[in-house]
Protein backbone atom coordinates (compact mmCIF):
# COMPACT_ATOMS: atom_id res chain seq x y z
CA UNK A 1 -20.31 -0.42 3.28
CA UNK A 2 -17.12 -0.94 2.20
CA UNK A 3 -15.46 -3.30 -0.70
CA UNK A 4 -11.65 -2.82 -0.80
CA UNK A 5 -8.71 -4.40 -3.04
CA UNK A 6 -10.11 -4.40 -6.68
CA UNK A 7 -7.85 -4.58 -9.49
CA UNK A 8 -8.73 -3.07 -13.05
CA UNK A 9 -6.33 -3.55 -15.85
CA UNK A 10 -6.79 -1.89 -19.11
CA UNK A 11 -4.93 -1.53 -22.63
CA UNK A 12 -4.07 2.28 -22.60
CA UNK A 13 -4.84 5.09 -19.32
CA UNK A 14 -8.00 6.44 -21.38
CA UNK A 15 -9.83 2.85 -21.28
CA UNK A 16 -9.27 2.30 -17.94
CA UNK A 17 -10.39 5.45 -17.33
CA UNK A 18 -13.56 4.72 -18.57
CA UNK A 19 -13.62 0.78 -16.84
CA UNK A 20 -13.55 3.12 -13.14
CA UNK A 21 -16.21 5.11 -14.86
CA UNK A 22 -18.50 2.46 -15.11
CA UNK A 23 -17.59 1.10 -11.93
CA UNK A 24 -18.56 3.83 -10.10
CA UNK A 25 -21.40 4.47 -11.44
CA UNK A 26 -22.27 0.35 -10.82
CA UNK A 27 -20.83 0.90 -7.03
CA UNK A 28 -22.91 4.13 -6.46
CA UNK A 29 -25.97 2.37 -8.00
CA UNK A 30 -26.13 -0.03 -4.84
CA UNK A 31 -25.23 2.43 -2.23
CA UNK A 32 -20.92 1.78 -2.46
CA UNK A 33 -18.40 4.81 -3.20
CA UNK A 34 -15.18 4.55 -4.59
CA UNK A 35 -12.86 7.06 -2.94
CA UNK A 36 -10.94 9.20 -5.41
CA UNK A 37 -8.43 10.11 -2.63
CA UNK A 38 -7.67 5.44 -2.27
CA UNK A 39 -7.50 5.09 -5.95
CA UNK A 40 -4.51 4.65 -7.48
CA UNK A 41 -3.03 4.01 -11.11
CA UNK A 42 0.23 1.94 -12.19
CA UNK A 43 1.55 1.97 -15.87
CA UNK A 44 4.21 -0.06 -17.35
CA UNK A 45 7.42 1.22 -19.65
CA UNK A 46 5.26 1.04 -22.86
CA UNK A 47 2.50 3.03 -21.60
CA UNK A 48 2.18 7.11 -22.36
CA UNK A 49 2.58 9.71 -20.02
CA UNK A 50 -1.08 10.50 -18.46
CA UNK A 51 -2.95 12.18 -16.06
CA UNK A 52 -5.39 10.45 -15.00
CA UNK A 53 -8.87 11.34 -13.86
CA UNK A 54 -11.86 10.11 -11.97
CA UNK A 55 -15.26 12.56 -12.44
CA UNK A 56 -12.87 16.11 -10.65
CA UNK A 57 -10.24 14.69 -9.00
CA UNK A 58 -6.77 13.76 -9.88
CA UNK A 59 -5.83 9.53 -9.56
CA UNK A 60 -2.02 9.51 -8.23
CA UNK A 61 0.47 7.17 -10.17
CA UNK A 62 2.07 4.71 -8.01
CA UNK A 63 5.33 2.49 -8.80
CA UNK A 64 4.36 -0.10 -6.71
CA UNK A 65 1.22 -1.25 -4.58
CA UNK A 66 0.22 -3.38 -2.52
CA UNK A 67 -2.77 -6.04 -3.36
CA UNK A 68 -4.11 -9.01 -0.63
CA UNK A 69 -1.07 -8.64 1.38
CA UNK A 70 1.91 -8.96 -1.06
CA UNK A 71 3.27 -5.63 -3.30
CA UNK A 72 3.33 -5.14 -6.61
CA UNK A 73 5.64 -3.48 -8.78
CA UNK A 74 5.53 -4.00 -12.36
CA UNK A 75 9.24 -4.93 -12.67
CA UNK A 76 8.41 -7.88 -10.05
CA UNK A 77 11.14 -5.94 -7.92
CA UNK A 78 11.31 -8.60 -4.65
CA UNK A 79 12.95 -6.22 -2.67
CA UNK A 80 10.44 -4.54 -1.86
CA UNK A 81 8.25 -7.00 -0.83
CA UNK A 82 11.07 -8.81 1.07
CA UNK A 83 11.53 -5.59 2.57
CA UNK A 84 8.13 -4.96 3.46
CA UNK A 85 7.85 -8.17 5.06
CA UNK A 86 11.04 -7.52 7.17
CA UNK A 87 9.40 -4.78 8.69
CA UNK A 88 6.03 -5.79 9.85
CA UNK A 89 8.21 -8.74 11.36
CA UNK A 90 10.51 -7.43 13.55
CA UNK A 91 7.35 -4.78 14.15
CA UNK A 92 5.64 -7.62 15.42
CA UNK A 93 8.87 -9.26 17.19
CA UNK A 94 9.41 -5.64 18.73
CA UNK A 95 5.14 -5.84 19.99
CA UNK A 96 5.52 -9.05 21.34
CA UNK A 97 9.70 -8.57 23.04
CA UNK A 98 8.55 -7.56 26.19
CA UNK A 99 6.59 -11.04 27.06
CA UNK A 100 8.51 -13.38 24.84
CA UNK A 101 11.63 -12.50 27.13
CA UNK A 102 10.83 -11.65 30.39
CA UNK A 103 8.44 -14.92 31.17
CA UNK A 104 8.54 -16.27 35.04
CA UNK A 105 8.62 -20.07 34.99
CA UNK A 106 6.73 -20.85 37.53
CA UNK A 107 8.86 -24.30 38.18
CA UNK A 108 11.66 -22.79 38.62
CA UNK A 109 10.44 -20.86 41.67
CA UNK A 110 9.07 -17.21 40.07
CA UNK A 111 12.53 -16.47 38.66
CA UNK A 112 13.26 -15.29 35.62
CA UNK A 113 14.55 -17.99 32.83
């Protein structure tokens, strides 16, 4: 079983680490596992430097992450999200480019239009 897209918020990194341990223990009790390699943490400008851990693993600190399809940053920098959406749009366009521009119209006797 998998559960994705959980965000924990804490007053300081040690409180966040405790919340993560409680969540991990609760998940384990029902047969779920939180993958330390997929777990990330982010801090604001007022948070001291900290090495966050989950059991024996160090949790990676990130400056942004994608939550429910939206890029999240502490500075609310929308350029990251706009760039991400533009790349996704172009990737989808390029995936279907051949179909979009090589259609034949049966009413035109099979000639490309």
